[in-house]
Every structure is written in structure tokens, then in C-alpha cells.
Amino acid sequence: MTPTHMHLSASRFAPKAPPAVGQAQQYLTFMLGQEVFGLGILAVKEIIEYTNLTEVPAMPAHMRGVINLRGAVVPVIDLAVRFGRPVIQPTRRTCIVIVEVPAARGRQDIGIIVDAVNSVLELQNADIEPPPTLGMNLRTEFIRGMGKVNGRFVIVLDVEHLLSLDHLALAGQVVDRTSG
């Protein structure tokens, strides 16, 4: 079965520079459980419907497998598991968001499984507050900030930190040590 694609061609060819102070930036918003998250649109290449994954043995739990995307092998991460939550059970709204991240040899595409894609949202930098600091060992390194939209928060993710190949490999080593 060929995945259905939603191409975001404008973001694919746009410069990767952050917006100037006071400017707005666009975010792709999506659901994980009941929470709304956002990814900077400049990192998002496309959105495809959820398809069967090829599982790869001995991978950490958050690495659900790989897909064939136009001849390229793309690793797919379950974002819920990456955040320490239960595995996403696919529904008809489940999607794989293809994101481009820096890698040792250029850039790498990585798929992330999300419960549902909402919309593209524009946020002013002034509407994004820093990640919460509660004096606990709360892992906020994946969070760029908390966007305020119509009285609700959108958790804006730091895609380069969240999907860094070094961090994903390190997370896999931690899982391997605790399970062996």
C-alpha cells in the first residue's frame, strides 16, 4: 500500500533560519493523547498516513521500525514512548510526520508517529513562554516552550534536540542497560 502524502513543499525549500525577534513562526500542531504539541514547520517535510512498519530487532522501545519512503529507509519513532507513555495504538487518524534533522553527514529524515495532526498554527515569539521549571527533575530538554493559543497551551517541541540521532542512540543504550 502506498502511503498518502500531504506535501508541505513551501517548508521543504524555505531557509532554515529562525525568525527574527518579534516575528511569527509557523508550527504543525498534533495530538498525543489529550495534549497538543507543535513542531516548527521548517523541519516538517511531509505527513503520511500510518502504514505498517518493518520492525528492526534489538532497537529501543521508542524506535518502532522503518518505512520505505520513495526508496529511502526512514526510521520511525513513537513519540509517546519517547516521552515515557504507552505505545500509540493506531487509529484511522494516526499519522507519521516526516521530519528532517541534522545528522553527521548532512540531514536525515525521521518519522514520528502521532495520534492526529491538527493544523498549521502561527505563533508570535512573544506568545511562547520558556519551558516550565518546577524545581524537580522534570525533563524539559525536548521542549522549546509553551505556546498560548485561545487560552490553551501548545507544547512547542525542540525538534533538533528531540530527534537528535545522538540522543536517540543514547536513549537506546539506557533502555538496553536497564533491560539486560
C-alpha atoms as a PDB file:
ATOM      1  CA  MET A   1       0.000   0.000   0.000  1.00  0.00           C
ATOM      2  CA  THR A   2       1.415   3.406  -0.911  1.00  0.00           C
ATOM      3  CA  PRO A   3       1.210   5.997   1.872  1.00  0.00           C
ATOM      4  CA  THR A   4      -0.989   9.027   1.322  1.00  0.00           C
ATOM      5  CA  HIS A   5       1.136  12.160   1.430  1.00  0.00           C
ATOM      6  CA  MET A   6       0.470  15.739   2.385  1.00  0.00           C
ATOM      7  CA  HIS A   7       3.383  17.671   0.942  1.00  0.00           C
ATOM      8  CA  LEU A   8       4.498  20.833   2.640  1.00  0.00           C
ATOM      9  CA  SER A   9       6.621  21.976  -0.260  1.00  0.00           C
ATOM     10  CA  ALA A  10       6.999  25.563   0.901  1.00  0.00           C
ATOM     11  CA  SER A  11       8.697  24.439   4.114  1.00  0.00           C
ATOM     12  CA  ARG A  12      10.923  21.999   2.251  1.00  0.00           C
ATOM     13  CA  PHE A  13      12.677  24.733   0.312  1.00  0.00           C
ATOM     14  CA  ALA A  14      12.446  27.557   2.830  1.00  0.00           C
ATOM     15  CA  PRO A  15      15.575  28.748   4.621  1.00  0.00           C
ATOM     16  CA  LYS A  16      16.159  27.066   7.995  1.00  0.00           C
ATOM     17  CA  ALA A  17      16.989  30.293   9.847  1.00  0.00           C
ATOM     18  CA  PRO A  18      14.963  31.099  12.975  1.00  0.00           C
ATOM     19  CA  PRO A  19      12.568  34.035  12.787  1.00  0.00           C
ATOM     20  CA  ALA A  20      13.761  37.447  13.906  1.00  0.00           C
ATOM     21  CA  VAL A  21      12.695  38.706  17.301  1.00  0.00           C
ATOM     22  CA  GLY A  22       9.084  39.840  17.217  1.00  0.00           C
ATOM     23  CA  GLN A  23       8.214  37.778  14.152  1.00  0.00           C
ATOM     24  CA  ALA A  24       5.798  34.900  13.987  1.00  0.00           C
ATOM     25  CA  GLN A  25       6.736  31.338  13.202  1.00  0.00           C
ATOM     26  CA  GLN A  26       4.508  28.546  11.941  1.00  0.00           C
ATOM     27  CA  TYR A  27       4.069  25.256  13.780  1.00  0.00           C
ATOM     28  CA  LEU A  28       2.448  21.995  12.789  1.00  0.00           C
ATOM     29  CA  THR A  29       0.207  21.050  15.712  1.00  0.00           C
ATOM     30  CA  PHE A  30      -0.698  17.481  16.550  1.00  0.00           C
ATOM     31  CA  MET A  31      -2.178  15.366  19.315  1.00  0.00           C
ATOM     32  CA  LEU A  32      -0.534  12.836  21.599  1.00  0.00           C
ATOM     33  CA  GLY A  33      -3.296  11.605  23.853  1.00  0.00           C
ATOM     34  CA  GLN A  34      -5.157  14.703  25.019  1.00  0.00           C
ATOM     35  CA  GLU A  35      -2.205  17.089  24.721  1.00  0.00           C
ATOM     36  CA  VAL A  36      -1.439  19.435  21.831  1.00  0.00           C
ATOM     37  CA  PHE A  37       2.164  19.645  20.637  1.00  0.00           C
ATOM     38  CA  GLY A  38       3.797  21.805  17.983  1.00  0.00           C
ATOM     39  CA  LEU A  39       6.808  21.349  15.704  1.00  0.00           C
ATOM     40  CA  GLY A  40       8.401  24.170  13.734  1.00  0.00           C
ATOM     41  CA  ILE A  41       7.058  23.837  10.199  1.00  0.00           C
ATOM     42  CA  LEU A  42      10.514  24.372   8.681  1.00  0.00           C
ATOM     43  CA  ALA A  43      11.605  20.928   9.967  1.00  0.00           C
ATOM     44  CA  VAL A  44       8.489  19.120   8.656  1.00  0.00           C
ATOM     45  CA  LYS A  45       8.861  17.614   5.179  1.00  0.00           C
ATOM     46  CA  GLU A  46       5.539  15.812   4.836  1.00  0.00           C
ATOM     47  CA  ILE A  47       2.768  13.950   6.594  1.00  0.00           C
ATOM     48  CA  ILE A  48       1.771  10.443   5.588  1.00  0.00           C
ATOM     49  CA  GLU A  49      -0.967   8.153   6.779  1.00  0.00           C
ATOM     50  CA  TYR A  50       0.121   5.472   9.222  1.00  0.00           C
ATOM     51  CA  THR A  51       1.335   2.365   7.427  1.00  0.00           C
ATOM     52  CA  ASN A  52       2.761  -0.948   8.529  1.00  0.00           C
ATOM     53  CA  LEU A  53       6.298  -0.626   9.802  1.00  0.00           C
ATOM     54  CA  THR A  54       9.148  -3.061   9.332  1.00  0.00           C
ATOM     55  CA  GLU A  55      10.394  -3.849  12.819  1.00  0.00           C
ATOM     56  CA  VAL A  56      14.154  -3.875  13.376  1.00  0.00           C
ATOM     57  CA  PRO A  57      15.415  -6.307  16.052  1.00  0.00           C
ATOM     58  CA  ALA A  58      17.166  -5.063  19.221  1.00  0.00           C
ATOM     59  CA  MET A  59      16.029  -1.449  18.871  1.00  0.00           C
ATOM     60  CA  PRO A  60      14.899   0.669  21.838  1.00  0.00           C
ATOM     61  CA  ALA A  61      11.151   0.700  22.538  1.00  0.00           C
ATOM     62  CA  HIS A  62      10.609   4.185  21.054  1.00  0.00           C
ATOM     63  CA  MET A  63      12.109   3.059  17.711  1.00  0.00           C
ATOM     64  CA  ARG A  64       9.063   1.309  16.252  1.00  0.00           C
ATOM     65  CA  GLY A  65      10.674   0.359  12.935  1.00  0.00           C
ATOM     66  CA  VAL A  66      11.368   1.700   9.467  1.00  0.00           C
ATOM     67  CA  ILE A  67       9.351   2.583   6.384  1.00  0.00           C
ATOM     68  CA  ASN A  68      10.254   2.753   2.712  1.00  0.00           C
ATOM     69  CA  LEU A  69       9.670   6.338   1.617  1.00  0.00           C
ATOM     70  CA  ARG A  70      10.257   6.619  -2.120  1.00  0.00           C
ATOM     71  CA  GLY A  71      13.172   4.189  -1.930  1.00  0.00           C
ATOM     72  CA  ALA A  72      14.744   5.609   1.240  1.00  0.00           C
ATOM     73  CA  VAL A  73      14.772   3.783   4.573  1.00  0.00           C
ATOM     74  CA  VAL A  74      13.269   6.124   7.176  1.00  0.00           C
ATOM     75  CA  PRO A  75      13.366   5.237  10.899  1.00  0.00           C
ATOM     76  CA  VAL A  76      10.054   5.784  12.712  1.00  0.00           C
ATOM     77  CA  ILE A  77       9.784   6.823  16.358  1.00  0.00           C
ATOM     78  CA  ASP A  78       6.754   6.510  18.609  1.00  0.00           C
ATOM     79  CA  LEU A  79       6.757   9.963  20.186  1.00  0.00           C
ATOM     80  CA  ALA A  80       4.521   8.840  23.050  1.00  0.00           C
ATOM     81  CA  VAL A  81       7.023   6.137  24.062  1.00  0.00           C
ATOM     82  CA  ARG A  82       9.883   8.656  23.687  1.00  0.00           C
ATOM     83  CA  PHE A  83       8.035  10.701  26.330  1.00  0.00           C
ATOM     84  CA  GLY A  84       7.637   7.680  28.633  1.00  0.00           C
ATOM     85  CA  ARG A  85       4.000   6.991  27.766  1.00  0.00           C
ATOM     86  CA  PRO A  86       2.301   3.842  26.431  1.00  0.00           C
ATOM     87  CA  VAL A  87       2.681   2.842  22.771  1.00  0.00           C
ATOM     88  CA  ILE A  88       0.315   4.659  20.402  1.00  0.00           C
ATOM     89  CA  GLN A  89      -2.429   2.321  19.226  1.00  0.00           C
ATOM     90  CA  PRO A  90      -3.031   3.297  15.592  1.00  0.00           C
ATOM     91  CA  THR A  91      -6.446   4.619  14.580  1.00  0.00           C
ATOM     92  CA  ARG A  92      -7.649   5.998  11.259  1.00  0.00           C
ATOM     93  CA  ARG A  93      -6.331   9.454  12.319  1.00  0.00           C
ATOM     94  CA  THR A  94      -2.838   8.234  13.268  1.00  0.00           C
ATOM     95  CA  CYS A  95      -0.146   9.789  11.064  1.00  0.00           C
ATOM     96  CA  ILE A  96       3.577   9.668  10.529  1.00  0.00           C
ATOM     97  CA  VAL A  97       5.153  13.118  10.367  1.00  0.00           C
ATOM     98  CA  ILE A  98       8.392  13.074   8.363  1.00  0.00           C
ATOM     99  CA  VAL A  99      10.878  15.478   9.921  1.00  0.00           C
ATOM    100  CA  GLU A 100      14.338  16.456   8.701  1.00  0.00           C
ATOM    101  CA  VAL A 101      17.045  16.663  11.387  1.00  0.00           C
ATOM    102  CA  PRO A 102      20.798  17.349  11.329  1.00  0.00           C
ATOM    103  CA  ALA A 103      22.995  14.243  11.064  1.00  0.00           C
ATOM    104  CA  ALA A 104      26.729  13.546  10.904  1.00  0.00           C
ATOM    105  CA  ARG A 105      26.594  13.501   7.082  1.00  0.00           C
ATOM    106  CA  GLY A 106      24.131  16.248   6.260  1.00  0.00           C
ATOM    107  CA  ARG A 107      20.477  15.743   7.137  1.00  0.00           C
ATOM    108  CA  GLN A 108      18.355  12.691   7.991  1.00  0.00           C
ATOM    109  CA  ASP A 109      14.629  12.087   7.641  1.00  0.00           C
ATOM    110  CA  ILE A 110      12.918  10.590  10.692  1.00  0.00           C
ATOM    111  CA  GLY A 111       9.245   9.679  11.004  1.00  0.00           C
ATOM    112  CA  ILE A 112       7.328  10.323  14.200  1.00  0.00           C
ATOM    113  CA  ILE A 113       4.024   8.637  14.985  1.00  0.00           C
ATOM    114  CA  VAL A 114       1.344  10.995  16.299  1.00  0.00           C
ATOM    115  CA  ASP A 115      -2.293  10.354  17.242  1.00  0.00           C
ATOM    116  CA  ALA A 116      -3.646  13.034  14.903  1.00  0.00           C
ATOM    117  CA  VAL A 117      -2.441  16.123  13.033  1.00  0.00           C
ATOM    118  CA  ASN A 118      -4.430  19.269  13.830  1.00  0.00           C
ATOM    119  CA  SER A 119      -3.338  22.256  11.768  1.00  0.00           C
ATOM    120  CA  VAL A 120      -0.586  24.729  10.987  1.00  0.00           C
ATOM    121  CA  LEU A 121      -0.584  27.487  13.559  1.00  0.00           C
ATOM    122  CA  GLU A 122       1.251  30.803  13.603  1.00  0.00           C
ATOM    123  CA  LEU A 123       2.692  31.945  16.929  1.00  0.00           C
ATOM    124  CA  GLN A 124       4.458  35.175  17.778  1.00  0.00           C
ATOM    125  CA  ASN A 125       7.711  34.668  19.677  1.00  0.00           C
ATOM    126  CA  ALA A 126       6.162  36.735  22.495  1.00  0.00           C
ATOM    127  CA  ASP A 127       3.382  34.111  22.811  1.00  0.00           C
ATOM    128  CA  ILE A 128       5.872  31.338  23.632  1.00  0.00           C
ATOM    129  CA  GLU A 129       6.969  31.094  27.255  1.00  0.00           C
ATOM    130  CA  PRO A 130      10.075  29.188  28.373  1.00  0.00           C
ATOM    131  CA  PRO A 131       9.633  25.545  29.445  1.00  0.00           C
ATOM    132  CA  PRO A 132       8.330  25.153  32.991  1.00  0.00           C
ATOM    133  CA  THR A 133      10.836  24.794  35.808  1.00  0.00           C
ATOM    134  CA  LEU A 134       9.226  23.188  38.780  1.00  0.00           C
ATOM    135  CA  GLY A 135      12.353  22.517  40.847  1.00  0.00           C
ATOM    136  CA  MET A 136      12.007  18.797  40.096  1.00  0.00           C
ATOM    137  CA  ASN A 137      13.907  16.522  37.783  1.00  0.00           C
ATOM    138  CA  LEU A 138      11.387  17.273  35.030  1.00  0.00           C
ATOM    139  CA  ARG A 139      12.793  16.509  31.556  1.00  0.00           C
ATOM    140  CA  THR A 140      12.203  19.695  29.612  1.00  0.00           C
ATOM    141  CA  GLU A 141      15.165  19.478  27.227  1.00  0.00           C
ATOM    142  CA  PHE A 142      12.782  18.447  24.425  1.00  0.00           C
ATOM    143  CA  ILE A 143      10.560  21.482  24.986  1.00  0.00           C
ATOM    144  CA  ARG A 144      11.319  24.814  23.306  1.00  0.00           C
ATOM    145  CA  GLY A 145       8.474  26.494  25.156  1.00  0.00           C
ATOM    146  CA  MET A 146       4.780  26.696  25.887  1.00  0.00           C
ATOM    147  CA  GLY A 147       2.710  28.486  23.276  1.00  0.00           C
ATOM    148  CA  LYS A 148      -0.507  30.209  24.327  1.00  0.00           C
ATOM    149  CA  VAL A 149      -3.404  29.801  21.907  1.00  0.00           C
ATOM    150  CA  ASN A 150      -7.008  30.702  22.778  1.00  0.00           C
ATOM    151  CA  GLY A 151      -6.468  30.085  26.479  1.00  0.00           C
ATOM    152  CA  ARG A 152      -4.790  26.688  25.938  1.00  0.00           C
ATOM    153  CA  PHE A 153      -1.164  25.661  25.862  1.00  0.00           C
ATOM    154  CA  VAL A 154       0.607  24.110  22.906  1.00  0.00           C
ATOM    155  CA  ILE A 155       3.809  22.345  23.929  1.00  0.00           C
ATOM    156  CA  VAL A 156       6.343  23.568  21.363  1.00  0.00           C
ATOM    157  CA  LEU A 157       8.998  20.900  20.843  1.00  0.00           C
ATOM    158  CA  ASP A 158      12.686  21.418  20.128  1.00  0.00           C
ATOM    159  CA  VAL A 159      12.847  19.058  17.146  1.00  0.00           C
ATOM    160  CA  GLU A 160      16.613  19.059  16.796  1.00  0.00           C
ATOM    161  CA  HIS A 161      17.088  18.009  20.429  1.00  0.00           C
ATOM    162  CA  LEU A 162      14.115  15.653  20.495  1.00  0.00           C
ATOM    163  CA  LEU A 163      15.152  13.757  17.375  1.00  0.00           C
ATOM    164  CA  SER A 164      18.941  14.154  17.599  1.00  0.00           C
ATOM    165  CA  LEU A 165      20.453  10.883  16.395  1.00  0.00           C
ATOM    166  CA  ASP A 166      22.999  11.060  19.261  1.00  0.00           C
ATOM    167  CA  HIS A 167      20.229  11.448  21.859  1.00  0.00           C
ATOM    168  CA  LEU A 168      18.167   8.663  20.275  1.00  0.00           C
ATOM    169  CA  ALA A 169      21.172   6.319  20.354  1.00  0.00           C
ATOM    170  CA  LEU A 170      21.922   7.277  23.975  1.00  0.00           C
ATOM    171  CA  ALA A 171      18.274   6.637  24.923  1.00  0.00           C
ATOM    172  CA  GLY A 172      18.599   3.199  23.319  1.00  0.00           C
ATOM    173  CA  GLN A 173      21.700   2.424  25.383  1.00  0.00           C
ATOM    174  CA  VAL A 174      19.893   3.432  28.572  1.00  0.00           C
ATOM    175  CA  VAL A 175      16.983   1.145  27.667  1.00  0.00           C
ATOM    176  CA  ASP A 176      19.388  -1.708  26.860  1.00  0.00           C
ATOM    177  CA  ARG A 177      21.209  -1.328  30.202  1.00  0.00           C
ATOM    178  CA  THR A 178      18.010  -1.344  32.219  1.00  0.00           C
ATOM    179  CA  SER A 179      16.516  -4.355  30.434  1.00  0.00           C
ATOM    180  CA  GLY A 180      19.612  -6.547  30.458  1.00  0.00           C
END
